[in-house]
Amino acid sequence: MISGMTGYGTSDMGLGRVKGTVEIKTVNHRYLDPAYYLPSGFSSYEDKVQKIIARHLKRGRVTISIRITEKPQMTITVNKEAVKKYADIAKALAKELNLKNDFSTADLLKMPGVVEAKETYVQAVDIWPVAEKAIEKALVAVVAMRKREGRSLASDINGQLKKMTTRISQIKTRASNLLKEQKVKLTSEEYASYQKSNDINEELSRLAHHISEAKNLLKTSNGAGKQLDFIAQEMQRETNTIGSKVQDNQISAAVIALKAKVEKIREQANNVE
């Protein structure tokens, strides 16, 4: 069964005190077009992410976001040797100059070189194994949603194809009746010329073949969107030829209806993977 190109999937990941989320969104596009929103240090993994995506999806605009939601707080270290030196100097000065030694702990912590704060960075090489699993899990959800959309698309396209078959049957019947009518009115030579110039059997046969091919494509799991669009273009061409060959109000009306169905199929083909 065909798949659509609208999908969404998310998955949580974690490694120790590091927590994160992978979110993947897809919409229709002519080709596979990924866009990345990755944490600092993950840019070197874009190629690996793309390969994972390509294993699951054939085409579509894919937005993948990896966010770190929790990580260890910054580490704070106190240089006790520096603290001792500052305290000793303060004590010595107070004694030497007969001053009040009111040098507090808070004052000590403000002195240069006493406190060092380091931000904790998440290393891509450490988090990648769990991120990879989360990407795979999110993509499974994306594929499932795209398959559900594919079932809806297949149902709609099949409905259009069924209506086209009905219109083709109407055209065949009307074309046959026109030949009978003209055979009575025209001379043998005129009738032979009319029959040749108004012969649409080939176009109707090819149109029926295209409908059969489209129905078969709807049953495939491989990317069928581009093929469906190509077949729809061929349907449009055959329909135009029928309309130009036979000048009849009933057939013209049926041709207009056929064109409308083909256009709807082409629109839906743009949503098929």
Protein backbone atom coordinates (compact mmCIF):
# COMPACT_ATOMS: atom_id res chain seq x y z
CA MET A 1 0.00 0.00 0.00
CA ILE A 2 1.22 3.50 -0.82
CA SER A 3 2.34 5.94 1.86
CA GLY A 4 1.68 9.64 2.23
CA MET A 5 4.31 12.20 3.16
CA THR A 6 2.76 13.78 6.25
CA GLY A 7 4.19 12.30 9.42
CA TYR A 8 5.20 13.04 12.98
CA GLY A 9 7.21 11.09 15.52
CA THR A 10 8.98 11.77 18.78
CA SER A 11 11.10 9.79 21.21
CA ASP A 12 12.86 10.46 24.48
CA MET A 13 16.50 9.57 25.11
CA GLY A 14 18.69 9.47 28.17
CA LEU A 15 22.22 8.73 29.28
CA GLY A 16 22.83 9.05 32.99
CA ARG A 17 21.84 12.56 34.05
CA VAL A 18 21.57 13.69 30.42
CA LYS A 19 18.03 13.68 29.00
CA GLY A 20 16.85 14.68 25.56
CA THR A 21 14.12 14.45 22.93
CA VAL A 22 14.10 13.62 19.23
CA GLU A 23 11.26 15.12 17.16
CA ILE A 24 10.72 14.41 13.45
CA LYS A 25 8.16 16.07 11.15
CA THR A 26 7.61 15.36 7.46
CA VAL A 27 5.56 17.05 4.74
CA ASN A 28 5.30 16.56 0.98
CA HIS A 29 8.21 17.43 -1.31
CA ARG A 30 9.44 16.25 -4.70
CA TYR A 31 12.63 14.83 -3.19
CA LEU A 32 14.02 13.72 0.17
CA ASP A 33 14.94 17.05 1.75
CA PRO A 34 16.12 16.84 5.39
CA ALA A 35 16.64 19.86 7.67
CA TYR A 36 18.52 19.49 10.94
CA TYR A 37 18.22 21.25 14.30
CA LEU A 38 20.95 19.63 16.38
CA PRO A 39 22.70 20.48 19.66
CA SER A 40 26.15 22.00 19.67
CA GLY A 41 28.75 19.48 18.58
CA PHE A 42 26.34 17.27 16.60
CA SER A 43 26.92 18.78 13.14
CA SER A 44 29.43 16.04 12.28
CA TYR A 45 26.62 13.49 12.68
CA GLU A 46 24.35 14.97 9.99
CA ASP A 47 25.52 12.44 7.42
CA LYS A 48 24.70 9.54 9.75
CA VAL A 49 21.27 11.01 10.51
CA GLN A 50 20.56 11.39 6.79
CA LYS A 51 21.45 7.75 6.13
CA ILE A 52 19.06 6.62 8.85
CA ILE A 53 16.28 8.77 7.37
CA ALA A 54 16.95 7.43 3.86
CA ARG A 55 16.48 3.87 5.10
CA HIS A 56 12.92 4.69 6.16
CA LEU A 57 11.74 7.41 3.76
CA LYS A 58 11.93 7.88 -0.02
CA ARG A 59 10.92 11.52 -0.32
CA GLY A 60 9.44 14.44 1.57
CA ARG A 61 10.69 17.47 3.50
CA VAL A 62 11.97 16.10 6.81
CA THR A 63 12.63 18.29 9.83
CA ILE A 64 14.57 16.55 12.59
CA SER A 65 15.21 18.20 15.93
CA ILE A 66 17.37 16.83 18.74
CA ARG A 67 17.12 18.75 22.01
CA ILE A 68 18.97 18.24 25.28
CA THR A 69 16.37 18.86 27.97
CA GLU A 70 18.40 18.02 31.08
CA LYS A 71 22.10 17.86 31.85
CA PRO A 72 24.32 18.03 34.97
CA GLN A 73 24.60 21.48 36.47
CA MET A 74 27.85 23.40 36.21
CA THR A 75 30.66 22.26 38.47
CA ILE A 76 32.02 24.71 41.04
CA THR A 77 35.42 24.24 42.61
CA VAL A 78 37.01 26.25 45.43
CA ASN A 79 40.77 26.81 45.52
CA LYS A 80 41.37 26.21 49.21
CA GLU A 81 45.03 27.11 48.97
CA ALA A 82 44.08 30.54 47.65
CA VAL A 83 41.47 30.91 50.40
CA LYS A 84 44.09 30.11 53.05
CA LYS A 85 46.54 32.62 51.60
CA TYR A 86 43.91 35.38 51.45
CA ALA A 87 42.87 34.61 55.05
CA ASP A 88 46.44 34.61 56.28
CA ILE A 89 47.16 37.92 54.55
CA ALA A 90 44.01 39.48 56.03
CA LYS A 91 44.90 38.21 59.50
CA ALA A 92 48.48 39.46 59.24
CA LEU A 93 47.39 42.89 58.03
CA ALA A 94 44.85 43.20 60.81
CA LYS A 95 47.48 42.36 63.41
CA GLU A 96 50.18 44.56 61.88
CA LEU A 97 48.01 47.62 61.39
CA ASN A 98 45.82 47.06 64.42
CA LEU A 99 42.70 46.67 62.32
CA LYS A 100 39.53 44.73 62.89
CA ASN A 101 39.71 41.46 61.01
CA ASP A 102 36.20 41.41 59.55
CA PHE A 103 37.17 39.52 56.37
CA SER A 104 34.17 37.19 55.97
CA THR A 105 33.74 33.95 54.04
CA ALA A 106 31.62 35.81 51.49
CA ASP A 107 34.48 38.24 50.98
CA LEU A 108 36.89 35.37 50.47
CA LEU A 109 34.70 33.75 47.80
CA LYS A 110 34.71 36.99 45.81
CA MET A 111 38.49 37.12 45.59
CA PRO A 112 40.13 36.32 42.21
CA GLY A 113 41.10 32.70 41.72
CA VAL A 114 39.08 31.37 44.67
CA VAL A 115 35.96 30.06 42.88
CA GLU A 116 35.96 28.47 39.42
CA ALA A 117 32.66 27.59 37.71
CA LYS A 118 32.66 25.28 34.68
CA GLU A 119 29.63 24.66 32.48
CA THR A 120 28.96 21.00 31.75
CA TYR A 121 28.92 20.21 28.02
CA VAL A 122 27.21 17.17 26.52
CA GLN A 123 29.64 15.35 24.29
CA ALA A 124 28.07 14.20 20.99
CA VAL A 125 30.23 11.08 20.89
CA ASP A 126 28.82 9.99 24.25
CA ILE A 127 25.15 10.69 23.54
CA TRP A 128 25.09 9.50 19.89
CA PRO A 129 24.32 5.78 20.57
CA VAL A 130 21.12 6.63 22.49
CA ALA A 131 20.29 9.44 20.05
CA GLU A 132 20.53 6.99 17.14
CA LYS A 133 18.04 4.62 18.80
CA ALA A 134 15.69 7.52 19.52
CA ILE A 135 15.84 8.65 15.87
CA GLU A 136 14.95 5.14 14.71
CA LYS A 137 12.03 4.98 17.15
CA ALA A 138 10.71 8.39 16.08
CA LEU A 139 10.95 7.37 12.42
CA VAL A 140 8.87 4.26 13.08
CA ALA A 141 6.08 6.54 14.32
CA VAL A 142 6.52 8.81 11.28
CA VAL A 143 6.27 5.86 8.87
CA ALA A 144 3.16 4.56 10.63
CA MET A 145 1.42 7.93 10.25
CA ARG A 146 2.45 8.18 6.59
CA LYS A 147 1.02 4.71 5.95
CA ARG A 148 -2.30 5.75 7.49
CA GLU A 149 -2.34 8.77 5.20
CA GLY A 150 -1.48 6.47 2.30
CA ARG A 151 -4.59 4.39 2.92
CA SER A 152 -6.73 7.53 2.75
CA LEU A 153 -5.00 8.70 -0.43
CA ALA A 154 -5.40 5.28 -2.07
CA SER A 155 -9.11 5.28 -1.23
CA ASP A 156 -9.60 8.72 -2.76
CA ILE A 157 -7.57 7.96 -5.91
CA ASN A 158 -9.35 4.64 -6.40
CA GLY A 159 -12.63 6.53 -6.21
CA GLN A 160 -11.47 8.93 -8.94
CA LEU A 161 -10.30 6.01 -11.11
CA LYS A 162 -13.68 4.31 -10.73
CA LYS A 163 -15.47 7.46 -11.86
CA MET A 164 -13.10 7.71 -14.82
CA THR A 165 -13.97 4.16 -15.85
CA THR A 166 -17.65 5.11 -15.81
CA ARG A 167 -16.96 8.15 -18.01
CA ILE A 168 -14.93 6.03 -20.45
CA SER A 169 -17.84 3.61 -20.75
CA GLN A 170 -20.16 6.55 -21.50
CA ILE A 171 -17.78 7.85 -24.17
CA LYS A 172 -17.55 4.41 -25.80
CA THR A 173 -21.32 4.10 -25.92
CA ARG A 174 -21.78 7.60 -27.31
CA ALA A 175 -19.01 7.14 -29.90
CA SER A 176 -20.62 3.91 -31.08
CA ASN A 177 -24.02 5.59 -31.41
CA LEU A 178 -22.47 8.49 -33.33
CA LEU A 179 -20.99 6.06 -35.86
CA LYS A 180 -24.39 4.46 -36.36
CA GLU A 181 -26.00 7.86 -36.83
CA GLN A 182 -23.40 9.03 -39.32
CA LYS A 183 -23.50 5.79 -41.28
CA VAL A 184 -27.13 6.52 -42.15
CA LYS A 185 -26.47 10.15 -43.05
CA LEU A 186 -23.19 9.91 -44.99
CA THR A 187 -22.08 8.27 -48.19
CA SER A 188 -19.74 5.31 -47.94
CA GLU A 189 -16.74 7.49 -48.76
CA GLU A 190 -17.75 10.21 -46.32
CA TYR A 191 -18.47 7.64 -43.63
CA ALA A 192 -15.04 6.02 -44.07
CA SER A 193 -13.39 9.43 -43.68
CA TYR A 194 -15.52 10.27 -40.63
CA GLN A 195 -14.80 6.90 -39.04
CA LYS A 196 -11.06 7.36 -39.49
CA SER A 197 -10.89 10.93 -38.15
CA ASN A 198 -13.15 10.16 -35.16
CA ASP A 199 -11.57 6.86 -34.18
CA ILE A 200 -10.77 7.07 -30.45
CA ASN A 201 -10.42 3.36 -29.71
CA GLU A 202 -6.67 3.65 -29.25
CA GLU A 203 -7.00 6.56 -26.81
CA LEU A 204 -9.73 4.82 -24.84
CA SER A 205 -7.68 1.62 -24.70
CA ARG A 206 -4.59 3.48 -23.49
CA LEU A 207 -6.66 5.39 -20.95
CA ALA A 208 -8.05 2.12 -19.59
CA HIS A 209 -4.49 0.75 -19.41
CA HIS A 210 -3.30 3.80 -17.46
CA ILE A 211 -6.16 3.34 -14.99
CA SER A 212 -5.13 -0.29 -14.49
CA GLU A 213 -1.49 0.75 -13.96
CA ALA A 214 -2.51 3.40 -11.44
CA LYS A 215 -4.53 0.83 -9.48
CA ASN A 216 -1.53 -1.49 -9.36
CA LEU A 217 0.72 1.33 -8.14
CA LEU A 218 -1.65 2.05 -5.27
CA LYS A 219 -0.93 -1.45 -3.96
CA THR A 220 2.84 -0.99 -3.87
CA SER A 221 4.82 -0.05 -0.77
CA ASN A 222 7.65 1.55 -2.74
CA GLY A 223 7.63 5.25 -3.59
CA ALA A 224 4.87 5.59 -6.19
CA GLY A 225 4.14 9.32 -6.14
CA LYS A 226 6.31 10.27 -9.13
CA GLN A 227 5.01 7.34 -11.18
CA LEU A 228 1.43 8.25 -10.37
CA ASP A 229 2.07 11.81 -11.47
CA PHE A 230 3.57 10.56 -14.75
CA ILE A 231 0.59 8.28 -15.40
CA ALA A 232 -1.80 11.14 -14.64
CA GLN A 233 0.01 13.27 -17.23
CA GLU A 234 -0.46 10.50 -19.80
CA MET A 235 -4.14 10.25 -18.85
CA GLN A 236 -4.47 13.98 -19.43
CA ARG A 237 -2.84 13.66 -22.85
CA GLU A 238 -5.14 10.85 -23.99
CA THR A 239 -8.18 12.70 -22.67
CA ASN A 240 -7.22 15.86 -24.58
CA THR A 241 -6.83 13.83 -27.77
CA ILE A 242 -10.30 12.33 -27.38
CA GLY A 243 -11.77 15.79 -26.90
CA SER A 244 -10.05 17.15 -29.99
CA LYS A 245 -11.00 14.20 -32.21
CA VAL A 246 -14.74 13.97 -31.53
CA GLN A 247 -16.85 17.12 -31.68
CA ASP A 248 -19.92 16.11 -29.69
CA ASN A 249 -21.56 17.80 -26.73
CA GLN A 250 -22.03 14.60 -24.71
CA ILE A 251 -18.48 13.40 -25.29
CA SER A 252 -17.13 16.90 -24.59
CA ALA A 253 -18.96 16.91 -21.25
CA ALA A 254 -17.54 13.49 -20.40
CA VAL A 255 -14.04 14.67 -21.39
CA ILE A 256 -14.34 17.70 -19.10
CA ALA A 257 -15.36 15.38 -16.26
CA LEU A 258 -12.42 13.08 -17.04
CA LYS A 259 -10.00 16.02 -16.93
CA ALA A 260 -11.33 17.04 -13.53
CA LYS A 261 -10.75 13.51 -12.17
CA VAL A 262 -7.24 13.38 -13.62
CA GLU A 263 -6.40 16.75 -12.07
CA LYS A 264 -7.54 15.49 -8.66
CA ILE A 265 -5.35 12.41 -9.09
CA ARG A 266 -2.36 14.61 -9.93
CA GLU A 267 -3.01 16.73 -6.84
CA GLN A 268 -3.10 13.64 -4.64
CA ALA A 269 -0.01 12.18 -6.34
CA ASN A 270 1.90 15.17 -4.93
CA ASN A 271 1.08 13.83 -1.46
CA VAL A 272 2.15 10.26 -2.19
CA GLU A 273 5.66 9.20 -1.21
